[in-house]
Every structure is written in C-alpha cells, then in structure tokens.
Amino acid sequence: MARQIHRLVGFPHSGDLILMGNVRPDGRVVTFEEQVATHGGLGGVQEQAFIARPPTVNLGSVEGPEDLHRLFVERYLGNASG
C-alpha cells in the first residue's frame, strides 16, 4: 500500500491534502459522502481487479497500471510507441 500512496502523491495534480477512509470490518469503505464504495480507493472490494485476456497473453510480473500499459504497448505497438 505504501507504494500505491507514494505513486498517488507523485502525480502533478495530486492534492496538497489527501484524505482516505478506512475499510470497515464488514468490507465497506468509510467515505465522506453517503456512498457504498469508492472509485480507485485503497482497500475493500475495489482492490479485487480483474482483466479479461487471451490465454496467450502472459501477465508475468504486472503489478500496476504502468506495468499493464507497458505490456500492451510492447505487445500491440511494438517499436512504434516512441
């Protein structure tokens, strides 16, 4: 999780103050509005991502969106990515 937070605060338009709610024992995420979940938050069911892919695509050591983007660029664009 520390790596994800470090990535978040490194974005050029990341806020000066970032507030995140905790994950409750029942799996729901504490939010600042009356919502059931959060989009892209840390913890809860939103961490259970999936990808539909052909079995020939080896995800190898993909751990985050940058890794996945790199894999797609290499596979589908080859050297044309620049």
Foldseek 3Di string as FASTA:
>chain_A
DVVVVVVQVPDPPRDPDDDFFDQDPVQFTDDPDPDRHDAPGPGGPNVVDDDDDDPVQDLPPDDDDVSVVVSCCCVPVNPVPD
